[in-house]
Amino acid sequence: MKIRFLQPAERELGEAVEYYEAQEPGLGFELFEEVWAAIERIEQYPEAWQPVSPRARRCHTNRFPYGVIYQICEEEDEILITFTASTSVQITPKRTAYVLPGSTHVV
């Protein structure tokens, strides 16, 4: 399966990386590595994590209080990353409802 980020998820991850980098040099890169490791786990075992809504699941990072919210799009053979969030963020149906199949950015 290919991995595809929605633009808001890509932007949220970039903002989190910048925030951690400003706190301590190198920490933003470490966050990025943790998020990417979570994405690799998702790619290997897409249904391993509990749903957070009828269409989305969350895989937590190990070191940082962040999770990757994603949807499995079997008809397109892809995993759609819809959100990267602090684990304190509440997932609501409105928040996970902005799936835009026309997004073309592939990571």
Protein backbone atom coordinates (compact mmCIF):
# COMPACT_ATOMS: atom_id res chain seq x y z
CA MET A 1 0.00 0.00 0.00
CA LYS A 2 1.19 3.50 -0.68
CA ILE A 3 1.08 6.21 1.96
CA ARG A 4 -0.56 9.53 1.13
CA PHE A 5 -0.75 12.62 3.36
CA LEU A 6 -3.58 15.10 3.18
CA GLN A 7 -2.17 18.63 3.09
CA PRO A 8 -3.55 19.53 6.55
CA ALA A 9 -1.79 16.49 8.06
CA GLU A 10 1.45 17.38 6.32
CA ARG A 11 1.16 20.97 7.59
CA GLU A 12 0.37 19.82 11.15
CA LEU A 13 3.42 17.56 11.18
CA GLY A 14 5.64 20.36 9.86
CA GLU A 15 4.38 22.73 12.56
CA ALA A 16 5.01 20.14 15.28
CA VAL A 17 8.53 19.48 13.97
CA GLU A 18 9.26 23.24 13.95
CA TYR A 19 7.90 23.60 17.49
CA TYR A 20 10.08 20.80 18.89
CA GLU A 21 13.10 22.02 16.95
CA ALA A 22 12.67 25.45 18.54
CA GLN A 23 12.60 23.82 21.98
CA GLU A 24 15.84 21.93 21.42
CA PRO A 25 17.92 21.53 18.24
CA GLY A 26 17.48 18.04 16.82
CA LEU A 27 14.29 17.32 18.73
CA GLY A 28 12.09 18.17 15.73
CA PHE A 29 13.98 15.63 13.62
CA GLU A 30 13.50 13.04 16.37
CA LEU A 31 9.75 13.71 16.34
CA PHE A 32 9.70 13.27 12.57
CA GLU A 33 11.54 9.95 12.92
CA GLU A 34 9.02 8.78 15.55
CA VAL A 35 6.07 9.72 13.35
CA TRP A 36 7.65 7.99 10.37
CA ALA A 37 8.21 4.83 12.47
CA ALA A 38 4.50 4.91 13.37
CA ILE A 39 3.64 5.23 9.68
CA GLU A 40 5.84 2.22 8.88
CA ARG A 41 3.98 0.22 11.56
CA ILE A 42 0.68 1.33 10.02
CA GLU A 43 1.88 0.24 6.59
CA GLN A 44 2.83 -3.22 7.89
CA TYR A 45 -0.28 -3.75 10.06
CA PRO A 46 -2.95 -1.26 8.96
CA GLU A 47 -5.77 -2.74 11.05
CA ALA A 48 -3.75 -3.23 14.25
CA TRP A 49 -4.85 0.00 15.96
CA GLN A 50 -8.21 0.82 17.49
CA PRO A 51 -10.66 2.98 15.57
CA VAL A 52 -11.19 6.54 16.83
CA SER A 53 -14.19 7.08 14.56
CA PRO A 54 -16.13 4.94 12.09
CA ARG A 55 -13.53 5.65 9.37
CA ALA A 56 -10.29 6.46 11.16
CA ARG A 57 -7.70 4.79 13.39
CA ARG A 58 -4.86 6.18 15.49
CA CYS A 59 -1.34 4.81 15.93
CA HIS A 60 0.63 6.43 18.76
CA THR A 61 4.30 7.32 18.62
CA ASN A 62 6.54 5.72 21.23
CA ARG A 63 8.47 8.71 22.58
CA PHE A 64 6.32 11.77 21.89
CA PRO A 65 2.69 12.42 22.84
CA TYR A 66 1.59 12.26 19.22
CA GLY A 67 -0.48 9.93 17.13
CA VAL A 68 -1.06 9.40 13.44
CA ILE A 69 -4.73 9.39 12.42
CA TYR A 70 -5.30 7.45 9.23
CA GLN A 71 -7.85 5.78 7.00
CA ILE A 72 -7.43 2.58 5.02
CA CYS A 73 -8.58 3.11 1.43
CA GLU A 74 -8.68 -0.43 0.08
CA GLU A 75 -10.20 0.52 -3.28
CA GLU A 76 -7.18 2.76 -3.96
CA ASP A 77 -4.69 0.46 -2.18
CA GLU A 78 -3.46 3.28 0.00
CA ILE A 79 -3.30 4.50 3.56
CA LEU A 80 -4.47 8.08 3.85
CA ILE A 81 -2.84 10.07 6.68
CA THR A 82 -5.51 12.57 7.71
CA PHE A 83 -4.04 14.07 10.87
CA THR A 84 -1.00 14.01 13.15
CA ALA A 85 -1.96 15.14 16.61
CA SER A 86 -1.03 15.46 20.19
CA THR A 87 -2.70 12.62 22.06
CA SER A 88 -4.64 15.22 24.04
CA VAL A 89 -6.59 16.22 20.90
CA GLN A 90 -10.16 14.89 20.86
CA ILE A 91 -11.17 13.31 17.57
CA THR A 92 -14.63 14.35 16.45
CA PRO A 93 -16.60 13.25 13.39
CA LYS A 94 -16.33 16.81 12.03
CA ARG A 95 -12.51 16.75 12.37
CA THR A 96 -12.06 13.48 10.49
CA ALA A 97 -14.64 14.22 7.80
CA TYR A 98 -12.45 16.29 5.46
CA VAL A 99 -11.14 13.43 3.34
CA LEU A 100 -10.23 14.89 -0.02
CA PRO A 101 -9.59 12.11 -2.55
CA GLY A 102 -8.21 14.65 -5.02
CA SER A 103 -5.06 15.30 -2.94
CA THR A 104 -2.04 14.18 -4.95
CA HIS A 105 0.92 14.59 -2.58
CA VAL A 106 2.51 11.18 -2.07
CA VAL A 107 5.08 10.65 0.70
